[in-house]
């Protein structure tokens, strides 16, 4: 059984980036619920996983995707239209780039690239952890990360080129 103190420490250090990560798949409120479910599952384990951080993010993704599928089926049954998706993250005064611009850049990436960038930058996972989570090689994850940052950089620089004219 995992001790409450250890569980609390993991929650304090990982819950915020996990909410951000899960917000790619579901809205923010649902992402917060997903993270609660994940920590309840972790608490019910007999022993902690080998790599707790990677396990938490994998569980968050799977739980969020399951929740999104359930919501989609429920909405289809109820024929209720108009899903709302909360922002992935919010601006803070110390940020170099505003949250709206970052969301727009991330939205321009495909799902796999966006996942790698969010896990690396905002969740702080290592390339090895991301590789395990996404079932890819470390080199593939690193290459996708580098390509994604390059694409985002080009998008940021393109408006500046127009100002020179």
N, C-alpha and C. Protein backbone atom coordinates (compact mmCIF):
# COMPACT_ATOMS: atom_id res chain seq x y z
N UNK A 1 0.85 -1.19 0.00
CA UNK A 1 0.00 0.00 0.00
C UNK A 1 0.89 1.25 0.00
N UNK A 2 0.53 2.21 -0.79
CA UNK A 2 1.29 3.45 -0.90
C UNK A 2 0.89 4.37 0.25
N UNK A 3 1.90 4.94 0.90
CA UNK A 3 1.64 5.81 2.05
C UNK A 3 1.03 7.13 1.59
N UNK A 4 0.18 7.68 2.46
CA UNK A 4 -0.52 8.92 2.16
C UNK A 4 0.46 10.07 1.91
N UNK A 5 1.52 10.14 2.70
CA UNK A 5 2.50 11.21 2.57
C UNK A 5 3.15 11.17 1.18
N UNK A 6 3.52 9.98 0.72
CA UNK A 6 4.14 9.84 -0.60
C UNK A 6 3.15 10.21 -1.69
N UNK A 7 1.91 9.75 -1.55
CA UNK A 7 0.87 10.08 -2.52
C UNK A 7 0.65 11.59 -2.60
N UNK A 8 0.64 12.24 -1.45
CA UNK A 8 0.48 13.70 -1.40
C UNK A 8 1.62 14.42 -2.10
N UNK A 9 2.83 13.94 -1.91
CA UNK A 9 3.99 14.54 -2.57
C UNK A 9 3.87 14.40 -4.09
N UNK A 10 3.50 13.22 -4.55
CA UNK A 10 3.32 13.01 -5.98
C UNK A 10 2.23 13.91 -6.53
N UNK A 11 1.14 14.02 -5.78
CA UNK A 11 0.04 14.87 -6.23
C UNK A 11 0.49 16.32 -6.34
N UNK A 12 1.20 16.81 -5.33
CA UNK A 12 1.69 18.19 -5.35
C UNK A 12 2.62 18.45 -6.52
N UNK A 13 3.49 17.52 -6.82
CA UNK A 13 4.49 17.76 -7.86
C UNK A 13 4.00 17.45 -9.27
N UNK A 14 2.99 16.61 -9.43
CA UNK A 14 2.60 16.18 -10.78
C UNK A 14 1.19 16.57 -11.21
N UNK A 15 0.31 16.93 -10.30
CA UNK A 15 -1.09 17.12 -10.68
C UNK A 15 -1.30 18.28 -11.66
N UNK A 16 -0.62 19.40 -11.47
CA UNK A 16 -0.83 20.54 -12.38
C UNK A 16 -0.41 20.22 -13.81
N UNK A 17 0.82 19.69 -14.02
CA UNK A 17 1.17 19.35 -15.40
C UNK A 17 0.28 18.24 -15.97
N UNK A 18 -0.22 17.37 -15.11
CA UNK A 18 -1.11 16.30 -15.57
C UNK A 18 -2.44 16.89 -16.06
N UNK A 19 -2.95 17.89 -15.34
CA UNK A 19 -4.19 18.55 -15.77
C UNK A 19 -3.97 19.20 -17.13
N UNK A 20 -2.85 19.87 -17.28
CA UNK A 20 -2.51 20.48 -18.57
C UNK A 20 -2.48 19.43 -19.67
N UNK A 21 -1.83 18.32 -19.40
CA UNK A 21 -1.70 17.24 -20.38
C UNK A 21 -3.07 16.66 -20.72
N UNK A 22 -3.87 16.36 -19.72
CA UNK A 22 -5.19 15.77 -19.95
C UNK A 22 -6.13 16.75 -20.66
N UNK A 23 -5.85 18.05 -20.51
CA UNK A 23 -6.69 19.07 -21.16
C UNK A 23 -6.58 19.05 -22.67
N UNK A 24 -5.62 18.32 -23.20
CA UNK A 24 -5.54 18.15 -24.65
C UNK A 24 -6.69 17.28 -25.16
N UNK A 25 -7.18 16.41 -24.30
CA UNK A 25 -8.16 15.40 -24.70
C UNK A 25 -9.57 15.71 -24.20
N UNK A 26 -9.67 16.43 -23.09
CA UNK A 26 -10.96 16.77 -22.49
C UNK A 26 -10.88 18.21 -21.98
N UNK A 27 -12.03 18.80 -21.61
CA UNK A 27 -11.98 20.16 -21.10
C UNK A 27 -11.34 20.18 -19.71
N UNK A 28 -11.02 21.37 -19.24
CA UNK A 28 -10.24 21.51 -18.00
C UNK A 28 -10.94 20.88 -16.79
N UNK A 29 -12.23 21.10 -16.64
CA UNK A 29 -12.94 20.53 -15.49
C UNK A 29 -12.89 19.01 -15.52
N UNK A 30 -13.09 18.45 -16.69
CA UNK A 30 -13.03 17.00 -16.84
C UNK A 30 -11.61 16.50 -16.62
N UNK A 31 -10.63 17.29 -17.06
CA UNK A 31 -9.22 16.92 -16.86
C UNK A 31 -8.90 16.84 -15.37
N UNK A 32 -9.43 17.76 -14.60
CA UNK A 32 -9.22 17.72 -13.15
C UNK A 32 -9.84 16.46 -12.54
N UNK A 33 -11.02 16.10 -13.01
CA UNK A 33 -11.66 14.85 -12.55
C UNK A 33 -10.81 13.64 -12.93
N UNK A 34 -10.29 13.66 -14.15
CA UNK A 34 -9.45 12.56 -14.63
C UNK A 34 -8.25 12.38 -13.71
N UNK A 35 -7.62 13.47 -13.32
CA UNK A 35 -6.43 13.39 -12.47
C UNK A 35 -6.80 12.83 -11.10
N UNK A 36 -7.94 13.21 -10.58
CA UNK A 36 -8.40 12.64 -9.30
C UNK A 36 -8.56 11.13 -9.42
N UNK A 37 -9.16 10.69 -10.50
CA UNK A 37 -9.36 9.25 -10.73
C UNK A 37 -8.02 8.53 -10.81
N UNK A 38 -7.07 9.13 -11.52
CA UNK A 38 -5.75 8.51 -11.67
C UNK A 38 -5.07 8.36 -10.31
N UNK A 39 -5.15 9.39 -9.47
CA UNK A 39 -4.51 9.29 -8.16
C UNK A 39 -5.24 8.29 -7.25
N UNK A 40 -6.54 8.16 -7.42
CA UNK A 40 -7.25 7.12 -6.66
C UNK A 40 -6.80 5.73 -7.09
N UNK A 41 -6.59 5.56 -8.40
CA UNK A 41 -6.08 4.27 -8.89
C UNK A 41 -4.68 4.00 -8.36
N UNK A 42 -3.85 5.03 -8.37
CA UNK A 42 -2.48 4.88 -7.86
C UNK A 42 -2.51 4.47 -6.39
N UNK A 43 -3.37 5.11 -5.63
CA UNK A 43 -3.47 4.82 -4.20
C UNK A 43 -3.93 3.39 -3.95
N UNK A 44 -4.69 2.83 -4.86
CA UNK A 44 -5.21 1.48 -4.66
C UNK A 44 -4.20 0.39 -5.03
N UNK A 45 -3.08 0.76 -5.64
CA UNK A 45 -2.07 -0.23 -6.01
C UNK A 45 -1.37 -0.77 -4.77
N UNK A 46 -0.93 -2.01 -4.86
CA UNK A 46 -0.20 -2.61 -3.74
C UNK A 46 1.18 -1.99 -3.58
N UNK A 47 1.82 -1.66 -4.69
CA UNK A 47 3.15 -1.05 -4.67
C UNK A 47 3.21 0.00 -5.78
N UNK A 48 4.04 1.02 -5.60
CA UNK A 48 4.13 2.03 -6.65
C UNK A 48 4.73 1.47 -7.93
N UNK A 49 4.34 2.01 -9.07
CA UNK A 49 4.92 1.57 -10.35
C UNK A 49 6.42 1.87 -10.39
N UNK A 50 7.11 1.21 -11.31
CA UNK A 50 8.56 1.40 -11.44
C UNK A 50 8.90 2.87 -11.70
N UNK A 51 8.23 3.50 -12.64
CA UNK A 51 8.42 4.92 -12.95
C UNK A 51 7.07 5.61 -12.72
N UNK A 52 6.92 6.17 -11.54
CA UNK A 52 5.63 6.74 -11.14
C UNK A 52 5.19 7.86 -12.09
N UNK A 53 6.11 8.75 -12.43
CA UNK A 53 5.75 9.89 -13.27
C UNK A 53 5.22 9.42 -14.63
N UNK A 54 5.92 8.51 -15.26
CA UNK A 54 5.47 7.99 -16.56
C UNK A 54 4.13 7.27 -16.41
N UNK A 55 3.97 6.50 -15.34
CA UNK A 55 2.72 5.78 -15.10
C UNK A 55 1.57 6.78 -14.95
N UNK A 56 1.79 7.85 -14.18
CA UNK A 56 0.74 8.84 -13.96
C UNK A 56 0.28 9.48 -15.28
N UNK A 57 1.23 9.84 -16.12
CA UNK A 57 0.86 10.50 -17.37
C UNK A 57 0.21 9.53 -18.35
N UNK A 58 0.66 8.29 -18.37
CA UNK A 58 0.01 7.30 -19.23
C UNK A 58 -1.43 7.06 -18.75
N UNK A 59 -1.59 6.92 -17.44
CA UNK A 59 -2.93 6.71 -16.88
C UNK A 59 -3.82 7.93 -17.14
N UNK A 60 -3.24 9.12 -17.06
CA UNK A 60 -4.01 10.34 -17.33
C UNK A 60 -4.49 10.36 -18.78
N UNK A 61 -3.60 10.02 -19.70
CA UNK A 61 -3.98 10.01 -21.11
C UNK A 61 -5.08 8.98 -21.36
N UNK A 62 -4.88 7.76 -20.89
CA UNK A 62 -5.86 6.70 -21.12
C UNK A 62 -7.21 7.04 -20.49
N UNK A 63 -7.19 7.56 -19.27
CA UNK A 63 -8.43 7.91 -18.59
C UNK A 63 -9.13 9.07 -19.30
N UNK A 64 -8.35 10.05 -19.73
CA UNK A 64 -8.94 11.20 -20.45
C UNK A 64 -9.54 10.75 -21.78
N UNK A 65 -8.82 9.89 -22.50
CA UNK A 65 -9.35 9.40 -23.78
C UNK A 65 -10.63 8.58 -23.57
N UNK A 66 -10.65 7.74 -22.54
CA UNK A 66 -11.86 6.98 -22.22
C UNK A 66 -13.01 7.92 -21.87
N UNK A 67 -12.70 8.94 -21.10
CA UNK A 67 -13.72 9.91 -20.71
C UNK A 67 -14.25 10.65 -21.94
N UNK A 68 -13.34 11.03 -22.84
CA UNK A 68 -13.76 11.72 -24.06
C UNK A 68 -14.64 10.83 -24.92
N UNK A 69 -14.28 9.56 -25.03
CA UNK A 69 -15.10 8.62 -25.82
C UNK A 69 -16.49 8.48 -25.20
N UNK A 70 -16.53 8.36 -23.88
CA UNK A 70 -17.82 8.25 -23.19
C UNK A 70 -18.67 9.49 -23.42
N UNK A 71 -18.03 10.64 -23.32
CA UNK A 71 -18.76 11.89 -23.54
C UNK A 71 -19.29 11.96 -24.97
N UNK A 72 -18.48 11.55 -25.93
CA UNK A 72 -18.90 11.58 -27.34
C UNK A 72 -20.11 10.68 -27.54
N UNK A 73 -20.06 9.48 -26.97
CA UNK A 73 -21.20 8.57 -27.10
C UNK A 73 -22.44 9.14 -26.41
N UNK A 74 -22.22 9.73 -25.24
CA UNK A 74 -23.34 10.31 -24.50
C UNK A 74 -23.96 11.47 -25.28
N UNK A 75 -23.11 12.33 -25.83
CA UNK A 75 -23.62 13.46 -26.61
C UNK A 75 -24.36 12.99 -27.86
N UNK A 76 -23.85 11.95 -28.48
CA UNK A 76 -24.53 11.41 -29.66
C UNK A 76 -25.90 10.88 -29.28
N UNK A 77 -25.96 10.20 -28.15
CA UNK A 77 -27.26 9.66 -27.70
C UNK A 77 -28.22 10.78 -27.38
N UNK A 78 -27.72 11.81 -26.75
CA UNK A 78 -28.59 12.91 -26.33
C UNK A 78 -28.81 13.93 -27.44
N UNK A 79 -28.10 13.74 -28.55
CA UNK A 79 -28.14 14.67 -29.68
C UNK A 79 -27.96 16.12 -29.23
N UNK A 80 -27.06 16.28 -28.29
CA UNK A 80 -26.74 17.61 -27.78
C UNK A 80 -25.45 18.07 -28.43
N UNK A 81 -25.48 19.22 -29.09
CA UNK A 81 -24.33 19.73 -29.82
C UNK A 81 -23.69 20.88 -29.04
N UNK A 82 -22.40 21.09 -29.31
CA UNK A 82 -21.74 22.27 -28.73
C UNK A 82 -20.77 21.93 -27.64
N UNK A 83 -19.80 21.12 -27.92
CA UNK A 83 -18.78 20.80 -26.92
C UNK A 83 -17.88 22.01 -26.72
N UNK A 84 -17.56 22.28 -25.47
CA UNK A 84 -16.67 23.39 -25.12
C UNK A 84 -15.36 22.82 -24.64
N UNK A 85 -14.28 23.35 -25.15
CA UNK A 85 -12.94 22.91 -24.73
C UNK A 85 -12.22 24.07 -24.07
N UNK A 86 -11.85 23.89 -22.82
CA UNK A 86 -11.12 24.93 -22.09
C UNK A 86 -9.69 25.02 -22.60
N UNK A 87 -9.07 26.15 -22.40
CA UNK A 87 -7.68 26.29 -22.83
C UNK A 87 -6.76 25.29 -22.15
N UNK A 88 -5.67 24.95 -22.85
CA UNK A 88 -4.71 24.00 -22.30
C UNK A 88 -3.98 24.60 -21.11
N UNK A 89 -3.76 25.89 -21.14
CA UNK A 89 -3.10 26.55 -20.03
C UNK A 89 -3.41 28.04 -20.10
N UNK A 90 -3.11 28.75 -19.03
CA UNK A 90 -3.44 30.16 -18.93
C UNK A 90 -2.18 31.00 -18.87
N UNK A 91 -2.26 32.27 -19.31
CA UNK A 91 -1.10 33.16 -19.28
C UNK A 91 -0.74 33.51 -17.84
N UNK A 92 0.56 33.66 -17.63
CA UNK A 92 1.08 34.16 -16.36
C UNK A 92 1.97 35.35 -16.70
N UNK A 93 2.12 36.32 -15.80
CA UNK A 93 2.93 37.50 -16.10
C UNK A 93 4.37 37.19 -16.50
N UNK A 94 4.95 36.14 -15.96
CA UNK A 94 6.36 35.83 -16.23
C UNK A 94 6.56 35.07 -17.55
N UNK A 95 5.49 34.71 -18.23
CA UNK A 95 5.62 33.97 -19.48
C UNK A 95 6.16 34.87 -20.59
N UNK A 96 7.04 34.30 -21.42
CA UNK A 96 7.61 35.02 -22.55
C UNK A 96 6.61 35.11 -23.70
N UNK A 97 5.78 34.10 -23.83
CA UNK A 97 4.77 34.03 -24.88
C UNK A 97 3.40 33.95 -24.20
N UNK A 98 2.41 34.63 -24.75
CA UNK A 98 1.11 34.56 -24.08
C UNK A 98 0.43 33.21 -24.35
N UNK A 99 -0.45 32.86 -23.47
CA UNK A 99 -1.09 31.54 -23.53
C UNK A 99 -1.89 31.36 -24.81
N UNK A 100 -2.56 32.41 -25.27
CA UNK A 100 -3.34 32.30 -26.50
C UNK A 100 -2.47 31.98 -27.70
N UNK A 101 -1.32 32.63 -27.76
CA UNK A 101 -0.40 32.38 -28.86
C UNK A 101 0.17 30.96 -28.77
N UNK A 102 0.50 30.53 -27.55
CA UNK A 102 1.02 29.17 -27.36
C UNK A 102 -0.03 28.13 -27.73
N UNK A 103 -1.28 28.36 -27.33
CA UNK A 103 -2.36 27.43 -27.68
C UNK A 103 -2.51 27.34 -29.19
N UNK A 104 -2.42 28.49 -29.85
CA UNK A 104 -2.56 28.52 -31.31
C UNK A 104 -1.41 27.75 -31.98
N UNK A 105 -0.19 27.94 -31.48
CA UNK A 105 0.95 27.22 -32.04
C UNK A 105 0.81 25.72 -31.81
N UNK A 106 0.40 25.33 -30.60
CA UNK A 106 0.21 23.91 -30.29
C UNK A 106 -0.91 23.31 -31.13
N UNK A 107 -1.97 24.07 -31.32
CA UNK A 107 -3.09 23.56 -32.12
C UNK A 107 -2.68 23.32 -33.57
N UNK A 108 -1.65 24.02 -34.02
CA UNK A 108 -1.17 23.83 -35.38
C UNK A 108 -0.37 22.56 -35.57
N UNK A 109 0.02 21.92 -34.47
CA UNK A 109 0.77 20.66 -34.55
C UNK A 109 -0.20 19.49 -34.62
N UNK A 110 0.25 18.38 -35.18
CA UNK A 110 -0.60 17.19 -35.15
C UNK A 110 -0.62 16.65 -33.71
N UNK A 111 -1.55 15.77 -33.44
CA UNK A 111 -1.78 15.29 -32.08
C UNK A 111 -0.53 14.69 -31.43
N UNK A 112 0.21 13.88 -32.17
CA UNK A 112 1.40 13.24 -31.61
C UNK A 112 2.47 14.26 -31.27
N UNK A 113 2.69 15.22 -32.15
CA UNK A 113 3.70 16.26 -31.91
C UNK A 113 3.30 17.12 -30.71
N UNK A 114 2.03 17.49 -30.65
CA UNK A 114 1.53 18.31 -29.54
C UNK A 114 1.72 17.57 -28.21
N UNK A 115 1.43 16.28 -28.22
CA UNK A 115 1.58 15.48 -27.01
C UNK A 115 3.03 15.50 -26.52
N UNK A 116 3.98 15.31 -27.42
CA UNK A 116 5.39 15.29 -27.04
C UNK A 116 5.83 16.64 -26.48
N UNK A 117 5.43 17.73 -27.13
CA UNK A 117 5.81 19.07 -26.67
C UNK A 117 5.24 19.35 -25.28
N UNK A 118 3.97 19.06 -25.08
CA UNK A 118 3.33 19.32 -23.79
C UNK A 118 3.98 18.48 -22.69
N UNK A 119 4.23 17.21 -22.98
CA UNK A 119 4.84 16.34 -21.97
C UNK A 119 6.25 16.79 -21.62
N UNK A 120 7.00 17.25 -22.61
CA UNK A 120 8.39 17.64 -22.37
C UNK A 120 8.48 18.99 -21.67
N UNK A 121 7.79 19.99 -22.21
CA UNK A 121 7.93 21.35 -21.69
C UNK A 121 7.11 21.59 -20.43
N UNK A 122 5.82 21.30 -20.48
CA UNK A 122 4.96 21.66 -19.36
C UNK A 122 4.87 20.58 -18.30
N UNK A 123 5.01 19.33 -18.67
CA UNK A 123 4.95 18.26 -17.68
C UNK A 123 6.34 17.89 -17.16
N UNK A 124 7.39 18.26 -17.90
CA UNK A 124 8.75 18.00 -17.45
C UNK A 124 9.18 16.55 -17.53
N UNK A 125 8.53 15.76 -18.37
CA UNK A 125 8.94 14.37 -18.52
C UNK A 125 10.22 14.29 -19.34
N UNK A 126 11.02 13.27 -19.07
CA UNK A 126 12.23 13.04 -19.85
C UNK A 126 11.84 12.41 -21.18
N UNK A 127 12.79 12.41 -22.12
CA UNK A 127 12.51 11.77 -23.41
C UNK A 127 12.28 10.27 -23.22
N UNK A 128 12.99 9.66 -22.26
CA UNK A 128 12.78 8.24 -21.98
C UNK A 128 11.36 7.99 -21.47
N UNK A 129 10.88 8.85 -20.58
CA UNK A 129 9.53 8.69 -20.05
C UNK A 129 8.48 8.90 -21.14
N UNK A 130 8.71 9.89 -21.99
CA UNK A 130 7.76 10.14 -23.08
C UNK A 130 7.77 8.96 -24.05
N UNK A 131 8.95 8.41 -24.31
CA UNK A 131 9.06 7.25 -25.20
C UNK A 131 8.26 6.07 -24.64
N UNK A 132 8.40 5.84 -23.34
CA UNK A 132 7.66 4.74 -22.71
C UNK A 132 6.16 5.00 -22.78
N UNK A 133 5.77 6.22 -22.47
CA UNK A 133 4.36 6.61 -22.46
C UNK A 133 3.73 6.49 -23.84
N UNK A 134 4.46 6.91 -24.87
CA UNK A 134 3.89 6.92 -26.22
C UNK A 134 4.25 5.68 -27.03
N UNK A 135 4.96 4.75 -26.40
CA UNK A 135 5.36 3.50 -27.04
C UNK A 135 6.13 3.76 -28.33
N UNK A 136 7.15 4.62 -28.23
CA UNK A 136 8.04 4.96 -29.33
C UNK A 136 9.47 4.85 -28.84
N UNK A 137 10.40 4.92 -29.79
CA UNK A 137 11.80 4.94 -29.40
C UNK A 137 12.15 6.34 -28.90
N UNK A 138 13.18 6.42 -28.07
CA UNK A 138 13.64 7.70 -27.54
C UNK A 138 14.05 8.63 -28.69
N UNK A 139 14.75 8.08 -29.67
CA UNK A 139 15.21 8.91 -30.79
C UNK A 139 14.03 9.44 -31.61
N UNK A 140 12.99 8.65 -31.77
CA UNK A 140 11.81 9.09 -32.49
C UNK A 140 11.12 10.23 -31.74
N UNK A 141 11.03 10.10 -30.42
CA UNK A 141 10.42 11.15 -29.59
C UNK A 141 11.25 12.43 -29.69
N UNK A 142 12.56 12.30 -29.58
CA UNK A 142 13.44 13.47 -29.64
C UNK A 142 13.32 14.17 -30.99
N UNK A 143 13.32 13.39 -32.06
CA UNK A 143 13.21 13.94 -33.41
C UNK A 143 11.88 14.68 -33.59
N UNK A 144 10.79 14.08 -33.12
CA UNK A 144 9.48 14.71 -33.21
C UNK A 144 9.44 16.01 -32.40
N UNK A 145 10.06 16.00 -31.24
CA UNK A 145 10.13 17.18 -30.38
C UNK A 145 10.88 18.31 -31.09
N UNK A 146 12.04 17.99 -31.63
CA UNK A 146 12.85 18.99 -32.34
C UNK A 146 12.11 19.54 -33.56
N UNK A 147 11.48 18.68 -34.33
CA UNK A 147 10.72 19.12 -35.51
C UNK A 147 9.55 20.02 -35.10
N UNK A 148 8.91 19.68 -33.99
CA UNK A 148 7.78 20.46 -33.51
C UNK A 148 8.22 21.85 -33.08
N UNK A 149 9.32 21.92 -32.33
CA UNK A 149 9.82 23.22 -31.89
C UNK A 149 10.24 24.07 -33.09
N UNK A 150 10.87 23.45 -34.07
CA UNK A 150 11.27 24.18 -35.27
C UNK A 150 10.05 24.74 -35.99
N UNK A 151 9.02 23.93 -36.12
CA UNK A 151 7.78 24.38 -36.78
C UNK A 151 7.14 25.53 -36.00
N UNK A 152 7.12 25.42 -34.68
CA UNK A 152 6.54 26.48 -33.85
C UNK A 152 7.37 27.76 -33.96
N UNK A 153 8.69 27.62 -33.96
CA UNK A 153 9.59 28.76 -34.09
C UNK A 153 9.34 29.50 -35.41
N UNK A 154 9.20 28.73 -36.48
CA UNK A 154 8.93 29.34 -37.79
C UNK A 154 7.62 30.12 -37.78
N UNK A 155 6.61 29.56 -37.12
CA UNK A 155 5.32 30.25 -37.02
C UNK A 155 5.46 31.56 -36.25
N UNK A 156 6.26 31.53 -35.18
CA UNK A 156 6.46 32.74 -34.38
C UNK A 156 7.23 33.81 -35.16
N UNK A 157 8.19 33.39 -35.96
CA UNK A 157 9.04 34.32 -36.69
C UNK A 157 8.37 34.88 -37.93
N UNK A 158 7.41 34.19 -38.50
CA UNK A 158 6.81 34.64 -39.76
C UNK A 158 6.16 36.02 -39.68
N UNK A 159 5.42 36.39 -38.63
CA UNK A 159 4.85 37.74 -38.59
C UNK A 159 5.94 38.82 -38.53
N UNK A 160 7.08 38.51 -37.91
CA UNK A 160 8.17 39.48 -37.79
C UNK A 160 8.75 39.81 -39.16
N UNK A 161 8.82 38.85 -40.05
CA UNK A 161 9.35 39.08 -41.39
C UNK A 161 8.49 40.10 -42.14
N UNK A 162 7.20 40.05 -41.91
CA UNK A 162 6.30 40.98 -42.58
C UNK A 162 6.48 42.42 -42.09
N UNK A 163 6.95 42.59 -40.87
CA UNK A 163 7.14 43.92 -40.32
C UNK A 163 8.33 44.64 -40.95
N UNK A 164 9.28 43.92 -41.51
CA UNK A 164 10.48 44.52 -42.10
C UNK A 164 10.16 45.26 -43.40
N UNK A 165 9.10 44.91 -44.06
CA UNK A 165 8.76 45.51 -45.37
C UNK A 165 8.29 46.93 -45.24
